[in-house]
Amino acid sequence: MSTSKAIGKQSAETDRWEAVRDLPPSAKLVAKVLDYEDTLTQSQIAEETLLPARTVRYALTRLEEEDVVSSRFSFADARKRIYRLTV
């Protein structure tokens, strides 16, 4: 890969995470887990990150405010929401 392509790829990756940069560490961790796992419920995120459910809920709220995460109801269990990274 040429240097200009590598710099362009790095710059695109930096721009992708711009909305997350000033958020709390817990929100950054939740965003990164969703980046790897595609879609998860709140309890699955808490299990993956080892964060308390309340902290995960706060992180997801902050991420949704920044339009970094979207959510929908689970088809398997309508009481749960499925979260997906949108950046």
PDB file of N, CA and C in Angstrom:
ATOM      1  N   MET A   1       0.859  -1.182   0.000  1.00  0.00           N
ATOM      2  CA  MET A   1       0.000   0.000   0.000  1.00  0.00           C
ATOM      3  C   MET A   1       0.894   1.230   0.000  1.00  0.00           C
ATOM      4  N   SER A   2       0.569   2.174  -0.820  1.00  0.00           N
ATOM      5  CA  SER A   2       1.373   3.391  -0.890  1.00  0.00           C
ATOM      6  C   SER A   2       1.114   4.263   0.338  1.00  0.00           C
ATOM      7  N   THR A   3       2.009   5.172   0.582  1.00  0.00           N
ATOM      8  CA  THR A   3       1.908   6.056   1.742  1.00  0.00           C
ATOM      9  C   THR A   3       0.647   6.913   1.689  1.00  0.00           C
ATOM     10  N   SER A   4       0.309   7.440   0.512  1.00  0.00           N
ATOM     11  CA  SER A   4      -0.878   8.298   0.403  1.00  0.00           C
ATOM     12  C   SER A   4      -2.162   7.508   0.670  1.00  0.00           C
ATOM     13  N   LYS A   5      -2.215   6.250   0.221  1.00  0.00           N
ATOM     14  CA  LYS A   5      -3.393   5.417   0.498  1.00  0.00           C
ATOM     15  C   LYS A   5      -3.500   5.112   1.988  1.00  0.00           C
ATOM     16  N   ALA A   6      -2.359   4.836   2.619  1.00  0.00           N
ATOM     17  CA  ALA A   6      -2.352   4.543   4.052  1.00  0.00           C
ATOM     18  C   ALA A   6      -2.806   5.762   4.849  1.00  0.00           C
ATOM     19  N   ILE A   7      -2.353   6.936   4.468  1.00  0.00           N
ATOM     20  CA  ILE A   7      -2.748   8.165   5.157  1.00  0.00           C
ATOM     21  C   ILE A   7      -4.230   8.427   4.937  1.00  0.00           C
ATOM     22  N   GLY A   8      -4.715   8.221   3.718  1.00  0.00           N
ATOM     23  CA  GLY A   8      -6.132   8.402   3.410  1.00  0.00           C
ATOM     24  C   GLY A   8      -7.006   7.463   4.219  1.00  0.00           C
ATOM     25  N   LYS A   9      -6.576   6.212   4.344  1.00  0.00           N
ATOM     26  CA  LYS A   9      -7.337   5.231   5.130  1.00  0.00           C
ATOM     27  C   LYS A   9      -7.349   5.627   6.600  1.00  0.00           C
ATOM     28  N   GLN A  10      -6.205   6.061   7.120  1.00  0.00           N
ATOM     29  CA  GLN A  10      -6.105   6.484   8.509  1.00  0.00           C
ATOM     30  C   GLN A  10      -6.976   7.716   8.751  1.00  0.00           C
ATOM     31  N   SER A  11      -6.997   8.648   7.827  1.00  0.00           N
ATOM     32  CA  SER A  11      -7.801   9.857   7.969  1.00  0.00           C
ATOM     33  C   SER A  11      -9.291   9.526   7.939  1.00  0.00           C
ATOM     34  N   ALA A  12      -9.705   8.595   7.079  1.00  0.00           N
ATOM     35  CA  ALA A  12     -11.114   8.174   7.030  1.00  0.00           C
ATOM     36  C   ALA A  12     -11.511   7.516   8.342  1.00  0.00           C
ATOM     37  N   GLU A  13     -10.620   6.708   8.897  1.00  0.00           N
ATOM     38  CA  GLU A  13     -10.887   6.047  10.182  1.00  0.00           C
ATOM     39  C   GLU A  13     -11.004   7.079  11.296  1.00  0.00           C
ATOM     40  N   THR A  14     -10.151   8.105  11.279  1.00  0.00           N
ATOM     41  CA  THR A  14     -10.201   9.172  12.273  1.00  0.00           C
ATOM     42  C   THR A  14     -11.511   9.938  12.161  1.00  0.00           C
ATOM     43  N   ASP A  15     -11.926  10.280  10.959  1.00  0.00           N
ATOM     44  CA  ASP A  15     -13.180  11.002  10.742  1.00  0.00           C
ATOM     45  C   ASP A  15     -14.371  10.175  11.224  1.00  0.00           C
ATOM     46  N   ARG A  16     -14.311   8.875  11.038  1.00  0.00           N
ATOM     47  CA  ARG A  16     -15.384   7.973  11.438  1.00  0.00           C
ATOM     48  C   ARG A  16     -15.654   8.062  12.937  1.00  0.00           C
ATOM     49  N   TRP A  17     -14.600   8.195  13.712  1.00  0.00           N
ATOM     50  CA  TRP A  17     -14.731   8.207  15.170  1.00  0.00           C
ATOM     51  C   TRP A  17     -14.786   9.616  15.754  1.00  0.00           C
ATOM     52  N   GLU A  18     -14.867  10.633  14.925  1.00  0.00           N
ATOM     53  CA  GLU A  18     -14.877  12.024  15.390  1.00  0.00           C
ATOM     54  C   GLU A  18     -16.011  12.294  16.382  1.00  0.00           C
ATOM     55  N   ALA A  19     -17.193  11.772  16.126  1.00  0.00           N
ATOM     56  CA  ALA A  19     -18.350  12.008  17.000  1.00  0.00           C
ATOM     57  C   ALA A  19     -18.177  11.364  18.373  1.00  0.00           C
ATOM     58  N   VAL A  20     -17.314  10.366  18.466  1.00  0.00           N
ATOM     59  CA  VAL A  20     -17.113   9.626  19.719  1.00  0.00           C
ATOM     60  C   VAL A  20     -15.977  10.222  20.550  1.00  0.00           C
ATOM     61  N   ARG A  21     -15.125  10.989  19.914  1.00  0.00           N
ATOM     62  CA  ARG A  21     -13.891  11.461  20.542  1.00  0.00           C
ATOM     63  C   ARG A  21     -14.085  12.138  21.906  1.00  0.00           C
ATOM     64  N   ASP A  22     -15.104  12.976  22.070  1.00  0.00           N
ATOM     65  CA  ASP A  22     -15.288  13.732  23.310  1.00  0.00           C
ATOM     66  C   ASP A  22     -16.255  13.067  24.283  1.00  0.00           C
ATOM     67  N   LEU A  23     -16.684  11.853  23.986  1.00  0.00           N
ATOM     68  CA  LEU A  23     -17.606  11.138  24.878  1.00  0.00           C
ATOM     69  C   LEU A  23     -16.839  10.449  26.001  1.00  0.00           C
ATOM     70  N   PRO A  24     -17.544  10.039  27.057  1.00  0.00           N
ATOM     71  CA  PRO A  24     -16.884   9.350  28.175  1.00  0.00           C
ATOM     72  C   PRO A  24     -16.257   8.015  27.726  1.00  0.00           C
ATOM     73  N   PRO A  25     -15.277   7.531  28.469  1.00  0.00           N
ATOM     74  CA  PRO A  25     -14.620   6.262  28.122  1.00  0.00           C
ATOM     75  C   PRO A  25     -15.599   5.090  27.985  1.00  0.00           C
ATOM     76  N   SER A  26     -16.630   5.068  28.813  1.00  0.00           N
ATOM     77  CA  SER A  26     -17.594   3.966  28.726  1.00  0.00           C
ATOM     78  C   SER A  26     -18.312   3.980  27.375  1.00  0.00           C
ATOM     79  N   ALA A  27     -18.640   5.149  26.862  1.00  0.00           N
ATOM     80  CA  ALA A  27     -19.298   5.251  25.555  1.00  0.00           C
ATOM     81  C   ALA A  27     -18.348   4.812  24.444  1.00  0.00           C
ATOM     82  N   LYS A  28     -17.075   5.163  24.573  1.00  0.00           N
ATOM     83  CA  LYS A  28     -16.085   4.741  23.574  1.00  0.00           C
ATOM     84  C   LYS A  28     -15.946   3.226  23.566  1.00  0.00           C
ATOM     85  N   LEU A  29     -15.938   2.633  24.754  1.00  0.00           N
ATOM     86  CA  LEU A  29     -15.825   1.174  24.858  1.00  0.00           C
ATOM     87  C   LEU A  29     -17.048   0.493  24.240  1.00  0.00           C
ATOM     88  N   VAL A  30     -18.233   0.993  24.536  1.00  0.00           N
ATOM     89  CA  VAL A  30     -19.461   0.424  23.975  1.00  0.00           C
ATOM     90  C   VAL A  30     -19.446   0.554  22.452  1.00  0.00           C
ATOM     91  N   ALA A  31     -19.017   1.693  21.940  1.00  0.00           N
ATOM     92  CA  ALA A  31     -18.942   1.888  20.489  1.00  0.00           C
ATOM     93  C   ALA A  31     -17.970   0.901  19.854  1.00  0.00           C
ATOM     94  N   LYS A  32     -16.846   0.682  20.487  1.00  0.00           N
ATOM     95  CA  LYS A  32     -15.843  -0.239  19.939  1.00  0.00           C
ATOM     96  C   LYS A  32     -16.362  -1.676  19.960  1.00  0.00           C
ATOM     97  N   VAL A  33     -17.050  -2.063  21.015  1.00  0.00           N
ATOM     98  CA  VAL A  33     -17.624  -3.413  21.082  1.00  0.00           C
ATOM     99  C   VAL A  33     -18.661  -3.587  19.981  1.00  0.00           C
ATOM    100  N   LEU A  34     -19.496  -2.577  19.771  1.00  0.00           N
ATOM    101  CA  LEU A  34     -20.493  -2.664  18.696  1.00  0.00           C
ATOM    102  C   LEU A  34     -19.824  -2.673  17.320  1.00  0.00           C
ATOM    103  N   ASP A  35     -18.662  -2.056  17.207  1.00  0.00           N
ATOM    104  CA  ASP A  35     -17.921  -2.082  15.955  1.00  0.00           C
ATOM    105  C   ASP A  35     -17.496  -3.515  15.621  1.00  0.00           C
ATOM    106  N   TYR A  36     -17.139  -4.290  16.636  1.00  0.00           N
ATOM    107  CA  TYR A  36     -16.718  -5.675  16.433  1.00  0.00           C
ATOM    108  C   TYR A  36     -17.891  -6.639  16.306  1.00  0.00           C
ATOM    109  N   GLU A  37     -18.971  -6.385  17.028  1.00  0.00           N
ATOM    110  CA  GLU A  37     -20.051  -7.362  17.150  1.00  0.00           C
ATOM    111  C   GLU A  37     -21.304  -7.080  16.317  1.00  0.00           C
ATOM    112  N   ASP A  38     -21.364  -6.042  15.561  1.00  0.00           N
ATOM    113  CA  ASP A  38     -22.495  -5.686  14.703  1.00  0.00           C
ATOM    114  C   ASP A  38     -23.738  -5.304  15.510  1.00  0.00           C
ATOM    115  N   THR A  39     -24.482  -6.233  16.073  1.00  0.00           N
ATOM    116  CA  THR A  39     -25.676  -5.897  16.867  1.00  0.00           C
ATOM    117  C   THR A  39     -25.660  -6.658  18.184  1.00  0.00           C
ATOM    118  N   LEU A  40     -26.055  -5.955  19.260  1.00  0.00           N
ATOM    119  CA  LEU A  40     -26.122  -6.551  20.591  1.00  0.00           C
ATOM    120  C   LEU A  40     -27.254  -5.908  21.381  1.00  0.00           C
ATOM    121  N   THR A  41     -27.753  -6.635  22.373  1.00  0.00           N
ATOM    122  CA  THR A  41     -28.706  -6.060  23.319  1.00  0.00           C
ATOM    123  C   THR A  41     -27.920  -5.355  24.420  1.00  0.00           C
ATOM    124  N   GLN A  42     -28.623  -4.595  25.243  1.00  0.00           N
ATOM    125  CA  GLN A  42     -27.953  -3.889  26.343  1.00  0.00           C
ATOM    126  C   GLN A  42     -27.281  -4.878  27.291  1.00  0.00           C
ATOM    127  N   SER A  43     -27.946  -5.972  27.612  1.00  0.00           N
ATOM    128  CA  SER A  43     -27.354  -6.954  28.529  1.00  0.00           C
ATOM    129  C   SER A  43     -26.135  -7.638  27.906  1.00  0.00           C
ATOM    130  N   GLN A  44     -26.161  -7.882  26.600  1.00  0.00           N
ATOM    131  CA  GLN A  44     -25.001  -8.462  25.935  1.00  0.00           C
ATOM    132  C   GLN A  44     -23.825  -7.489  25.936  1.00  0.00           C
ATOM    133  N   ILE A  45     -24.122  -6.199  25.761  1.00  0.00           N
ATOM    134  CA  ILE A  45     -23.066  -5.181  25.808  1.00  0.00           C
ATOM    135  C   ILE A  45     -22.454  -5.146  27.210  1.00  0.00           C
ATOM    136  N   ALA A  46     -23.295  -5.187  28.240  1.00  0.00           N
ATOM    137  CA  ALA A  46     -22.800  -5.187  29.618  1.00  0.00           C
ATOM    138  C   ALA A  46     -21.916  -6.411  29.874  1.00  0.00           C
ATOM    139  N   GLU A  47     -22.309  -7.539  29.342  1.00  0.00           N
ATOM    140  CA  GLU A  47     -21.526  -8.765  29.513  1.00  0.00           C
ATOM    141  C   GLU A  47     -20.182  -8.668  28.794  1.00  0.00           C
ATOM    142  N   GLU A  48     -20.190  -8.135  27.578  1.00  0.00           N
ATOM    143  CA  GLU A  48     -18.958  -8.005  26.786  1.00  0.00           C
ATOM    144  C   GLU A  48     -17.983  -6.996  27.382  1.00  0.00           C
ATOM    145  N   THR A  49     -18.507  -5.874  27.880  1.00  0.00           N
ATOM    146  CA  THR A  49     -17.651  -4.789  28.359  1.00  0.00           C
ATOM    147  C   THR A  49     -17.305  -4.910  29.841  1.00  0.00           C
ATOM    148  N   LEU A  50     -18.047  -5.740  30.561  1.00  0.00           N
ATOM    149  CA  LEU A  50     -17.906  -5.871  32.016  1.00  0.00           C
ATOM    150  C   LEU A  50     -18.282  -4.587  32.741  1.00  0.00           C
ATOM    151  N   LEU A  51     -19.088  -3.748  32.093  1.00  0.00           N
ATOM    152  CA  LEU A  51     -19.578  -2.519  32.715  1.00  0.00           C
ATOM    153  C   LEU A  51     -20.924  -2.788  33.380  1.00  0.00           C
ATOM    154  N   PRO A  52     -21.248  -2.041  34.439  1.00  0.00           N
ATOM    155  CA  PRO A  52     -22.577  -2.169  35.049  1.00  0.00           C
ATOM    156  C   PRO A  52     -23.673  -1.764  34.054  1.00  0.00           C
ATOM    157  N   ALA A  53     -24.842  -2.349  34.187  1.00  0.00           N
ATOM    158  CA  ALA A  53     -25.964  -2.080  33.283  1.00  0.00           C
ATOM    159  C   ALA A  53     -26.288  -0.585  33.231  1.00  0.00           C
ATOM    160  N   ARG A  54     -26.225   0.078  34.369  1.00  0.00           N
ATOM    161  CA  ARG A  54     -26.531   1.512  34.410  1.00  0.00           C
ATOM    162  C   ARG A  54     -25.537   2.322  33.577  1.00  0.00           C
ATOM    163  N   THR A  55     -24.264   1.950  33.644  1.00  0.00           N
ATOM    164  CA  THR A  55     -23.231   2.629  32.863  1.00  0.00           C
ATOM    165  C   THR A  55     -23.440   2.385  31.378  1.00  0.00           C
ATOM    166  N   VAL A  56     -23.800   1.168  31.007  1.00  0.00           N
ATOM    167  CA  VAL A  56     -24.066   0.839  29.605  1.00  0.00           C
ATOM    168  C   VAL A  56     -25.257   1.647  29.103  1.00  0.00           C
ATOM    169  N   ARG A  57     -26.296   1.750  29.917  1.00  0.00           N
ATOM    170  CA  ARG A  57     -27.486   2.515  29.543  1.00  0.00           C
ATOM    171  C   ARG A  57     -27.108   3.984  29.289  1.00  0.00           C
ATOM    172  N   TYR A  58     -26.297   4.559  30.165  1.00  0.00           N
ATOM    173  CA  TYR A  58     -25.842   5.946  30.000  1.00  0.00           C
ATOM    174  C   TYR A  58     -25.005   6.083  28.726  1.00  0.00           C
ATOM    175  N   ALA A  59     -24.088   5.148  28.507  1.00  0.00           N
ATOM    176  CA  ALA A  59     -23.232   5.189  27.312  1.00  0.00           C
ATOM    177  C   ALA A  59     -24.071   5.110  26.045  1.00  0.00           C
ATOM    178  N   LEU A  60     -25.056   4.235  26.023  1.00  0.00           N
ATOM    179  CA  LEU A  60     -25.919   4.097  24.844  1.00  0.00           C
ATOM    180  C   LEU A  60     -26.740   5.367  24.607  1.00  0.00           C
ATOM    181  N   THR A  61     -27.200   5.981  25.681  1.00  0.00           N
ATOM    182  CA  THR A  61     -27.941   7.242  25.551  1.00  0.00           C
ATOM    183  C   THR A  61     -27.062   8.315  24.915  1.00  0.00           C
ATOM    184  N   ARG A  62     -25.838   8.440  25.397  1.00  0.00           N
ATOM    185  CA  ARG A  62     -24.907   9.433  24.840  1.00  0.00           C
ATOM    186  C   ARG A  62     -24.587   9.142  23.379  1.00  0.00           C
ATOM    187  N   LEU A  63     -24.387   7.870  23.054  1.00  0.00           N
ATOM    188  CA  LEU A  63     -24.085   7.482  21.674  1.00  0.00           C
ATOM    189  C   LEU A  63     -25.274   7.745  20.750  1.00  0.00           C
ATOM    190  N   GLU A  64     -26.489   7.505  21.236  1.00  0.00           N
ATOM    191  CA  GLU A  64     -27.683   7.780  20.433  1.00  0.00           C
ATOM    192  C   GLU A  64     -27.853   9.292  20.216  1.00  0.00           C
ATOM    193  N   GLU A  65     -27.536  10.094  21.227  1.00  0.00           N
ATOM    194  CA  GLU A  65     -27.611  11.554  21.087  1.00  0.00           C
ATOM    195  C   GLU A  65     -26.672  12.065  20.001  1.00  0.00           C
ATOM    196  N   GLU A  66     -25.547  11.391  19.823  1.00  0.00           N
ATOM    197  CA  GLU A  66     -24.555  11.781  18.813  1.00  0.00           C
ATOM    198  C   GLU A  66     -24.806  11.087  17.474  1.00  0.00           C
ATOM    199  N   ASP A  67     -25.888  10.326  17.369  1.00  0.00           N
ATOM    200  CA  ASP A  67     -26.231   9.558  16.153  1.00  0.00           C
ATOM    201  C   ASP A  67     -25.131   8.584  15.745  1.00  0.00           C
ATOM    202  N   VAL A  68     -24.498   7.989  16.742  1.00  0.00           N
ATOM    203  CA  VAL A  68     -23.447   7.006  16.495  1.00  0.00           C
ATOM    204  C   VAL A  68     -24.031   5.598  16.571  1.00  0.00           C
ATOM    205  N   VAL A  69     -25.122   5.454  17.327  1.00  0.00           N
ATOM    206  CA  VAL A  69     -25.761   4.161  17.535  1.00  0.00           C
ATOM    207  C   VAL A  69     -27.246   4.291  17.197  1.00  0.00           C
ATOM    208  N   SER A  70     -27.771   3.247  16.584  1.00  0.00           N
ATOM    209  CA  SER A  70     -29.219   3.182  16.352  1.00  0.00           C
ATOM    210  C   SER A  70     -29.757   1.964  17.100  1.00  0.00           C
ATOM    211  N   SER A  71     -31.050   1.981  17.384  1.00  0.00           N
ATOM    212  CA  SER A  71     -31.645   0.848  18.086  1.00  0.00           C
ATOM    213  C   SER A  71     -32.986   0.501  17.460  1.00  0.00           C
ATOM    214  N   ARG A  72     -33.361  -0.734  17.641  1.00  0.00           N
ATOM    215  CA  ARG A  72     -34.670  -1.214  17.192  1.00  0.00           C
ATOM    216  C   ARG A  72     -35.114  -2.297  18.168  1.00  0.00           C
ATOM    217  N   PHE A  73     -36.401  -2.613  18.142  1.00  0.00           N
ATOM    218  CA  PHE A  73     -36.897  -3.674  19.004  1.00  0.00           C
ATOM    219  C   PHE A  73     -36.447  -5.027  18.472  1.00  0.00           C
ATOM    220  N   SER A  74     -36.182  -5.941  19.379  1.00  0.00           N
ATOM    221  CA  SER A  74     -35.790  -7.295  19.014  1.00  0.00           C
ATOM    222  C   SER A  74     -37.006  -8.062  18.524  1.00  0.00           C
ATOM    223  N   PHE A  75     -36.860  -8.779  17.430  1.00  0.00           N
ATOM    224  CA  PHE A  75     -37.948  -9.617  16.937  1.00  0.00           C
ATOM    225  C   PHE A  75     -38.140 -10.834  17.834  1.00  0.00           C
ATOM    226  N   ALA A  76     -37.058 -11.304  18.447  1.00  0.00           N
ATOM    227  CA  ALA A  76     -37.122 -12.475  19.318  1.00  0.00           C
ATOM    228  C   ALA A  76     -37.782 -12.154  20.655  1.00  0.00           C
ATOM    229  N   ASP A  77     -37.557 -10.945  21.172  1.00  0.00           N
ATOM    230  CA  ASP A  77     -38.106 -10.538  22.459  1.00  0.00           C
ATOM    231  C   ASP A  77     -38.383  -9.036  22.406  1.00  0.00           C
ATOM    232  N   ALA A  78     -39.629  -8.665  22.236  1.00  0.00           N
ATOM    233  CA  ALA A  78     -40.003  -7.261  22.045  1.00  0.00           C
ATOM    234  C   ALA A  78     -39.705  -6.385  23.261  1.00  0.00           C
ATOM    235  N   ARG A  79     -39.371  -6.986  24.398  1.00  0.00           N
ATOM    236  CA  ARG A  79     -39.010  -6.193  25.579  1.00  0.00           C
ATOM    237  C   ARG A  79     -37.588  -5.653  25.470  1.00  0.00           C
ATOM    238  N   LYS A  80     -36.802  -6.219  24.567  1.00  0.00           N
ATOM    239  CA  LYS A  80     -35.392  -5.830  24.429  1.00  0.00           C
ATOM    240  C   LYS A  80     -35.181  -5.009  23.168  1.00  0.00           C
ATOM    241  N   ARG A  81     -34.133  -4.209  23.211  1.00  0.00           N
ATOM    242  CA  ARG A  81     -33.739  -3.419  22.046  1.00  0.00           C
ATOM    243  C   ARG A  81     -32.396  -3.952  21.543  1.00  0.00           C
ATOM    244  N   ILE A  82     -32.221  -3.888  20.243  1.00  0.00           N
ATOM    245  CA  ILE A  82     -30.975  -4.287  19.607  1.00  0.00           C
ATOM    246  C   ILE A  82     -30.248  -3.012  19.176  1.00  0.00           C
ATOM    247  N   TYR A  83     -28.968  -2.906  19.514  1.00  0.00           N
ATOM    248  CA  TYR A  83     -28.187  -1.720  19.207  1.00  0.00           C
ATOM    249  C   TYR A  83     -27.169  -2.025  18.111  1.00  0.00           C
ATOM    250  N   ARG A  84     -26.982  -1.041  17.234  1.00  0.00           N
ATOM    251  CA  ARG A  84     -26.047  -1.189  16.111  1.00  0.00           C
ATOM    252  C   ARG A  84     -25.272   0.126  15.935  1.00  0.00           C
ATOM    253  N   LEU A  85     -23.990   0.007  15.640  1.00  0.00           N
ATOM    254  CA  LEU A  85     -23.163   1.177  15.370  1.00  0.00           C
ATOM    255  C   LEU A  85     -23.492   1.713  13.983  1.00  0.00           C
ATOM    256  N   THR A  86     -23.615   3.024  13.844  1.00  0.00           N
ATOM    257  CA  THR A  86     -24.007   3.613  12.561  1.00  0.00           C
ATOM    258  C   THR A  86     -22.885   4.413  11.896  1.00  0.00           C
ATOM    259  N   VAL A  87     -21.734   4.504  12.521  1.00  0.00           N
ATOM    260  CA  VAL A  87     -20.625   5.252  11.897  1.00  0.00           C
ATOM    261  C   VAL A  87     -19.681   4.306  11.203  1.00  0.00           C
TER     262      VAL A  87
END
